[in-house]
PDB file of N, CA and C in Angstrom:
ATOM      1  N   MET A   1      16.272  -1.979  -0.703  1.00  0.00           N
ATOM      2  CA  MET A   1      15.301  -1.029   0.494  1.00  0.00           C
ATOM      3  C   MET A   1      16.444   0.734   0.159  1.00  0.00           C
ATOM      4  N   GLU A   2      15.944   1.826   0.460  1.00  0.00           N
ATOM      5  CA  GLU A   2      16.885   2.685  -0.049  1.00  0.00           C
ATOM      6  C   GLU A   2      17.659   2.549   1.442  1.00  0.00           C
ATOM      7  N   ALA A   3      18.960   3.738   0.930  1.00  0.00           N
ATOM      8  CA  ALA A   3      20.118   3.304   2.122  1.00  0.00           C
ATOM      9  C   ALA A   3      19.722   4.453   3.962  1.00  0.00           C
ATOM     10  N   GLY A   4      19.492   5.365   3.250  1.00  0.00           N
ATOM     11  CA  GLY A   4      18.591   6.357   4.276  1.00  0.00           C
ATOM     12  C   GLY A   4      17.696   5.329   4.995  1.00  0.00           C
ATOM     13  N   LYS A   5      17.038   4.457   5.138  1.00  0.00           N
ATOM     14  CA  LYS A   5      15.968   4.215   6.091  1.00  0.00           C
ATOM     15  C   LYS A   5      16.889   2.637   6.454  1.00  0.00           C
ATOM     16  N   LEU A   6      17.392   2.124   5.522  1.00  0.00           N
ATOM     17  CA  LEU A   6      18.551   1.141   6.097  1.00  0.00           C
ATOM     18  C   LEU A   6      18.997   1.447   7.600  1.00  0.00           C
ATOM     19  N   SER A   7      19.690   2.879   6.905  1.00  0.00           N
ATOM     20  CA  SER A   7      20.609   3.186   8.643  1.00  0.00           C
ATOM     21  C   SER A   7      20.131   3.584   9.345  1.00  0.00           C
ATOM     22  N   ALA A   8      18.519   4.545   9.277  1.00  0.00           N
ATOM     23  CA  ALA A   8      17.729   4.463  10.505  1.00  0.00           C
ATOM     24  C   ALA A   8      17.589   3.699  11.437  1.00  0.00           C
ATOM     25  N   LEU A   9      17.368   2.456  10.644  1.00  0.00           N
ATOM     26  CA  LEU A   9      16.804   1.219  11.189  1.00  0.00           C
ATOM     27  C   LEU A   9      17.967   0.281  11.875  1.00  0.00           C
ATOM     28  N   ARG A  10      19.007   0.575  11.211  1.00  0.00           N
ATOM     29  CA  ARG A  10      20.289   0.251  12.370  1.00  0.00           C
ATOM     30  C   ARG A  10      20.201   0.709  13.310  1.00  0.00           C
ATOM     31  N   GLU A  11      20.256   2.191  13.070  1.00  0.00           N
ATOM     32  CA  GLU A  11      20.277   3.247  13.891  1.00  0.00           C
ATOM     33  C   GLU A  11      18.905   3.335  15.428  1.00  0.00           C
ATOM     34  N   ILE A  12      17.753   2.258  14.907  1.00  0.00           N
ATOM     35  CA  ILE A  12      17.909   2.730  15.660  1.00  0.00           C
ATOM     36  C   ILE A  12      17.474   1.375  17.091  1.00  0.00           C
ATOM     37  N   ALA A  13      18.658   0.245  16.093  1.00  0.00           N
ATOM     38  CA  ALA A  13      18.105  -1.165  16.468  1.00  0.00           C
ATOM     39  C   ALA A  13      18.980  -1.923  17.992  1.00  0.00           C
ATOM     40  N   LYS A  14      20.334  -0.084  17.062  1.00  0.00           N
ATOM     41  CA  LYS A  14      22.158   0.482  17.433  1.00  0.00           C
ATOM     42  C   LYS A  14      21.083   0.697  19.362  1.00  0.00           C
ATOM     43  N   SER A  15      20.604   1.963  18.952  1.00  0.00           N
ATOM     44  CA  SER A  15      20.257   3.164  20.441  1.00  0.00           C
ATOM     45  C   SER A  15      19.400   2.363  21.214  1.00  0.00           C
ATOM     46  N   GLN A  16      18.428   1.156  20.761  1.00  0.00           N
ATOM     47  CA  GLN A  16      17.757  -0.049  21.932  1.00  0.00           C
ATOM     48  C   GLN A  16      18.447  -0.821  22.099  1.00  0.00           C
ATOM     49  N   GLY A  17      19.409  -1.672  21.706  1.00  0.00           N
ATOM     50  CA  GLY A  17      20.112  -3.117  22.005  1.00  0.00           C
ATOM     51  C   GLY A  17      19.734  -3.793  21.867  1.00  0.00           C
ATOM     52  N   ARG A  18      19.034  -3.951  20.073  1.00  0.00           N
ATOM     53  CA  ARG A  18      18.710  -5.456  20.152  1.00  0.00           C
ATOM     54  C   ARG A  18      19.151  -5.027  18.522  1.00  0.00           C
ATOM     55  N   ARG A  19      18.599  -6.488  18.035  1.00  0.00           N
ATOM     56  CA  ARG A  19      19.275  -7.112  16.424  1.00  0.00           C
ATOM     57  C   ARG A  19      18.968  -7.210  15.888  1.00  0.00           C
ATOM     58  N   PHE A  20      19.206  -6.738  14.632  1.00  0.00           N
ATOM     59  CA  PHE A  20      18.665  -5.694  12.867  1.00  0.00           C
ATOM     60  C   PHE A  20      17.799  -5.962  12.903  1.00  0.00           C
ATOM     61  N   GLN A  21      17.819  -7.136  12.907  1.00  0.00           N
ATOM     62  CA  GLN A  21      16.735  -8.845  11.953  1.00  0.00           C
ATOM     63  C   GLN A  21      15.041  -8.231  12.911  1.00  0.00           C
ATOM     64  N   VAL A  22      15.305  -8.640  14.632  1.00  0.00           N
ATOM     65  CA  VAL A  22      14.855  -7.729  14.772  1.00  0.00           C
ATOM     66  C   VAL A  22      13.249  -6.497  14.329  1.00  0.00           C
ATOM     67  N   VAL A  23      15.101  -5.642  14.539  1.00  0.00           N
ATOM     68  CA  VAL A  23      14.072  -4.277  14.657  1.00  0.00           C
ATOM     69  C   VAL A  23      13.109  -4.173  12.601  1.00  0.00           C
ATOM     70  N   LEU A  24      13.852  -4.906  12.232  1.00  0.00           N
ATOM     71  CA  LEU A  24      12.983  -4.544  10.593  1.00  0.00           C
ATOM     72  C   LEU A  24      12.370  -5.506  10.598  1.00  0.00           C
ATOM     73  N   GLU A  25      12.177  -6.770  10.953  1.00  0.00           N
ATOM     74  CA  GLU A  25      10.630  -7.837  10.954  1.00  0.00           C
ATOM     75  C   GLU A  25       9.884  -6.449  12.119  1.00  0.00           C
ATOM     76  N   ASP A  26       9.899  -6.036  13.380  1.00  0.00           N
ATOM     77  CA  ASP A  26       8.719  -5.337  13.370  1.00  0.00           C
ATOM     78  C   ASP A  26       7.890  -3.548  12.700  1.00  0.00           C
ATOM     79  N   ALA A  27       9.240  -3.403  11.762  1.00  0.00           N
ATOM     80  CA  ALA A  27       8.858  -2.073  10.924  1.00  0.00           C
ATOM     81  C   ALA A  27       8.485  -3.397  10.370  1.00  0.00           C
ATOM     82  N   ALA A  28       8.548  -4.311   9.264  1.00  0.00           N
ATOM     83  CA  ALA A  28       7.525  -4.861   8.479  1.00  0.00           C
ATOM     84  C   ALA A  28       6.842  -5.026   8.479  1.00  0.00           C
ATOM     85  N   GLY A  29       5.817  -5.314   9.723  1.00  0.00           N
ATOM     86  CA  GLY A  29       4.733  -6.282  10.131  1.00  0.00           C
ATOM     87  C   GLY A  29       3.873  -5.093  10.902  1.00  0.00           C
ATOM     88  N   LEU A  30       4.493  -3.484  10.820  1.00  0.00           N
ATOM     89  CA  LEU A  30       3.272  -2.738  10.991  1.00  0.00           C
ATOM     90  C   LEU A  30       3.190  -2.159   9.516  1.00  0.00           C
ATOM     91  N   TYR A  31       3.575  -1.922   8.416  1.00  0.00           N
ATOM     92  CA  TYR A  31       3.238  -2.094   6.751  1.00  0.00           C
ATOM     93  C   TYR A  31       1.808  -2.398   6.944  1.00  0.00           C
ATOM     94  N   PRO A  32       1.626  -3.291   6.472  1.00  0.00           N
ATOM     95  CA  PRO A  32       0.272  -3.425   6.219  1.00  0.00           C
ATOM     96  C   PRO A  32      -0.907  -3.254   6.928  1.00  0.00           C
ATOM     97  N   GLU A  33      -0.558  -2.587   8.693  1.00  0.00           N
ATOM     98  CA  GLU A  33      -1.205  -2.413   9.328  1.00  0.00           C
ATOM     99  C   GLU A  33      -1.275  -1.182   8.995  1.00  0.00           C
ATOM    100  N   ASP A  34      -0.323  -0.179   8.636  1.00  0.00           N
ATOM    101  CA  ASP A  34      -0.699   1.557   8.702  1.00  0.00           C
ATOM    102  C   ASP A  34      -1.273   1.295   7.176  1.00  0.00           C
ATOM    103  N   ARG A  35      -1.092   0.412   5.833  1.00  0.00           N
ATOM    104  CA  ARG A  35      -1.881   1.119   4.647  1.00  0.00           C
ATOM    105  C   ARG A  35      -3.693   0.696   4.887  1.00  0.00           C
ATOM    106  N   SER A  36      -4.042  -0.658   5.804  1.00  0.00           N
ATOM    107  CA  SER A  36      -5.091  -1.407   6.006  1.00  0.00           C
ATOM    108  C   SER A  36      -5.793  -0.075   6.846  1.00  0.00           C
ATOM    109  N   THR A  37      -5.599   0.715   7.598  1.00  0.00           N
ATOM    110  CA  THR A  37      -6.023   2.334   7.761  1.00  0.00           C
ATOM    111  C   THR A  37      -5.668   3.516   7.200  1.00  0.00           C
ATOM    112  N   TYR A  38      -6.889   3.892   6.857  1.00  0.00           N
ATOM    113  CA  TYR A  38      -6.763   4.846   6.264  1.00  0.00           C
ATOM    114  C   TYR A  38      -6.654   6.346   7.870  1.00  0.00           C
ATOM    115  N   LYS A  39      -5.970   6.759   8.027  1.00  0.00           N
ATOM    116  CA  LYS A  39      -5.502   8.145   8.441  1.00  0.00           C
ATOM    117  C   LYS A  39      -6.246   9.720   7.936  1.00  0.00           C
ATOM    118  N   MET A  40      -7.371  10.534   8.209  1.00  0.00           N
ATOM    119  CA  MET A  40      -7.042  11.658   7.621  1.00  0.00           C
ATOM    120  C   MET A  40      -6.532  13.060   7.690  1.00  0.00           C
ATOM    121  N   HIS A  41      -6.346  13.383   7.332  1.00  0.00           N
ATOM    122  CA  HIS A  41      -5.502  14.310   7.731  1.00  0.00           C
ATOM    123  C   HIS A  41      -6.166  15.702   8.893  1.00  0.00           C
ATOM    124  N   PRO A  42      -5.247  15.906   9.767  1.00  0.00           N
ATOM    125  CA  PRO A  42      -6.460  16.855  11.115  1.00  0.00           C
ATOM    126  C   PRO A  42      -6.727  17.811  10.562  1.00  0.00           C
ATOM    127  N   ASP A  43      -6.367  18.385   9.299  1.00  0.00           N
ATOM    128  CA  ASP A  43      -6.814  19.916   9.252  1.00  0.00           C
ATOM    129  C   ASP A  43      -8.004  19.124   8.025  1.00  0.00           C
ATOM    130  N   VAL A  44      -7.857  18.357   6.301  1.00  0.00           N
ATOM    131  CA  VAL A  44      -9.099  17.540   6.392  1.00  0.00           C
ATOM    132  C   VAL A  44     -10.256  17.028   7.546  1.00  0.00           C
ATOM    133  N   LYS A  45      -9.771  16.297   8.392  1.00  0.00           N
ATOM    134  CA  LYS A  45     -10.721  16.041   9.575  1.00  0.00           C
ATOM    135  C   LYS A  45     -11.605  17.029   9.632  1.00  0.00           C
ATOM    136  N   ALA A  46     -11.019  18.350  10.153  1.00  0.00           N
ATOM    137  CA  ALA A  46     -11.163  19.924  10.942  1.00  0.00           C
ATOM    138  C   ALA A  46     -12.784  20.594   9.827  1.00  0.00           C
ATOM    139  N   ALA A  47     -11.797  20.435   8.238  1.00  0.00           N
ATOM    140  CA  ALA A  47     -12.710  20.918   7.227  1.00  0.00           C
ATOM    141  C   ALA A  47     -13.740  19.974   7.532  1.00  0.00           C
ATOM    142  N   TYR A  48     -13.687  18.684   7.415  1.00  0.00           N
ATOM    143  CA  TYR A  48     -15.200  17.875   6.281  1.00  0.00           C
ATOM    144  C   TYR A  48     -15.999  17.817   7.796  1.00  0.00           C
ATOM    145  N   ASP A  49     -15.651  18.382   9.529  1.00  0.00           N
ATOM    146  CA  ASP A  49     -16.582  19.104   9.610  1.00  0.00           C
ATOM    147  C   ASP A  49     -16.965  19.572  10.890  1.00  0.00           C
ATOM    148  N   GLU A  50     -16.564  20.603   9.702  1.00  0.00           N
ATOM    149  CA  GLU A  50     -17.359  22.139   9.401  1.00  0.00           C
ATOM    150  C   GLU A  50     -18.016  21.843   8.753  1.00  0.00           C
ATOM    151  N   VAL A  51     -17.971  21.648   7.349  1.00  0.00           N
ATOM    152  CA  VAL A  51     -18.567  21.109   6.623  1.00  0.00           C
ATOM    153  C   VAL A  51     -19.937  21.222   6.838  1.00  0.00           C
ATOM    154  N   VAL A  52     -20.131  19.740   7.603  1.00  0.00           N
ATOM    155  CA  VAL A  52     -21.323  18.430   8.499  1.00  0.00           C
ATOM    156  C   VAL A  52     -22.102  19.249   9.102  1.00  0.00           C
ATOM    157  N   ARG A  53     -21.518  20.507  10.038  1.00  0.00           N
ATOM    158  CA  ARG A  53     -22.156  21.024  11.030  1.00  0.00           C
ATOM    159  C   ARG A  53     -23.339  22.212  10.753  1.00  0.00           C
ATOM    160  N   ARG A  54     -21.880  22.420  10.089  1.00  0.00           N
ATOM    161  CA  ARG A  54     -23.411  23.943   9.235  1.00  0.00           C
ATOM    162  C   ARG A  54     -24.321  23.452   7.335  1.00  0.00           C
ATOM    163  N   PHE A  55     -23.693  22.286   7.539  1.00  0.00           N
ATOM    164  CA  PHE A  55     -24.359  21.584   6.509  1.00  0.00           C
ATOM    165  C   PHE A  55     -25.073  20.086   6.534  1.00  0.00           C
ATOM    166  N   PRO A  56     -25.838  19.610   7.795  1.00  0.00           N
ATOM    167  CA  PRO A  56     -26.334  18.861   7.595  1.00  0.00           C
ATOM    168  C   PRO A  56     -26.380  17.632   6.075  1.00  0.00           C
ATOM    169  N   LYS A  57     -26.806  18.393   6.004  1.00  0.00           N
ATOM    170  CA  LYS A  57     -27.877  17.762   4.249  1.00  0.00           C
ATOM    171  C   LYS A  57     -26.799  17.701   3.408  1.00  0.00           C
ATOM    172  N   THR A  58     -25.996  17.821   4.043  1.00  0.00           N
ATOM    173  CA  THR A  58     -24.386  18.277   2.561  1.00  0.00           C
ATOM    174  C   THR A  58     -24.648  16.844   1.946  1.00  0.00           C
ATOM    175  N   LEU A  59     -23.744  16.165   3.189  1.00  0.00           N
ATOM    176  CA  LEU A  59     -23.858  14.509   3.184  1.00  0.00           C
ATOM    177  C   LEU A  59     -24.549  13.275   2.276  1.00  0.00           C
ATOM    178  N   GLU A  60     -26.173  13.893   3.293  1.00  0.00           N
ATOM    179  CA  GLU A  60     -26.586  12.324   3.042  1.00  0.00           C
ATOM    180  C   GLU A  60     -27.265  12.195   1.109  1.00  0.00           C
ATOM    181  N   MET A  61     -27.725  11.120   0.927  1.00  0.00           N
ATOM    182  CA  MET A  61     -28.090  10.493  -0.261  1.00  0.00           C
ATOM    183  C   MET A  61     -29.231  11.029  -0.610  1.00  0.00           C
ATOM    184  N   PRO A  62     -29.885  11.299  -1.712  1.00  0.00           N
ATOM    185  CA  PRO A  62     -30.550  11.250  -2.062  1.00  0.00           C
ATOM    186  C   PRO A  62     -31.749  10.762  -1.832  1.00  0.00           C
ATOM    187  N   SER A  63     -32.522  10.234  -1.246  1.00  0.00           N
ATOM    188  CA  SER A  63     -33.972   8.946  -1.422  1.00  0.00           C
ATOM    189  C   SER A  63     -34.071   8.302  -2.679  1.00  0.00           C
ATOM    190  N   LYS A  64     -34.339   9.055  -3.796  1.00  0.00           N
ATOM    191  CA  LYS A  64     -35.198   8.898  -5.504  1.00  0.00           C
ATOM    192  C   LYS A  64     -34.089   8.575  -6.118  1.00  0.00           C
TER     193      LYS A  64
END
């Protein structure tokens, strides 16, 4: 693991009075969760919503 990330996790553990291993396990547990949920950037979402609002048929599948 990158030294900066490891150091940040150690600081989190220290500041929260938790064991480093527990913080590391928490971080590792969040990784699969984070990757399984796509999060659209707010600017992209706003543009998408605007296109759908202005041109509702744009994203419809052709019937044939």
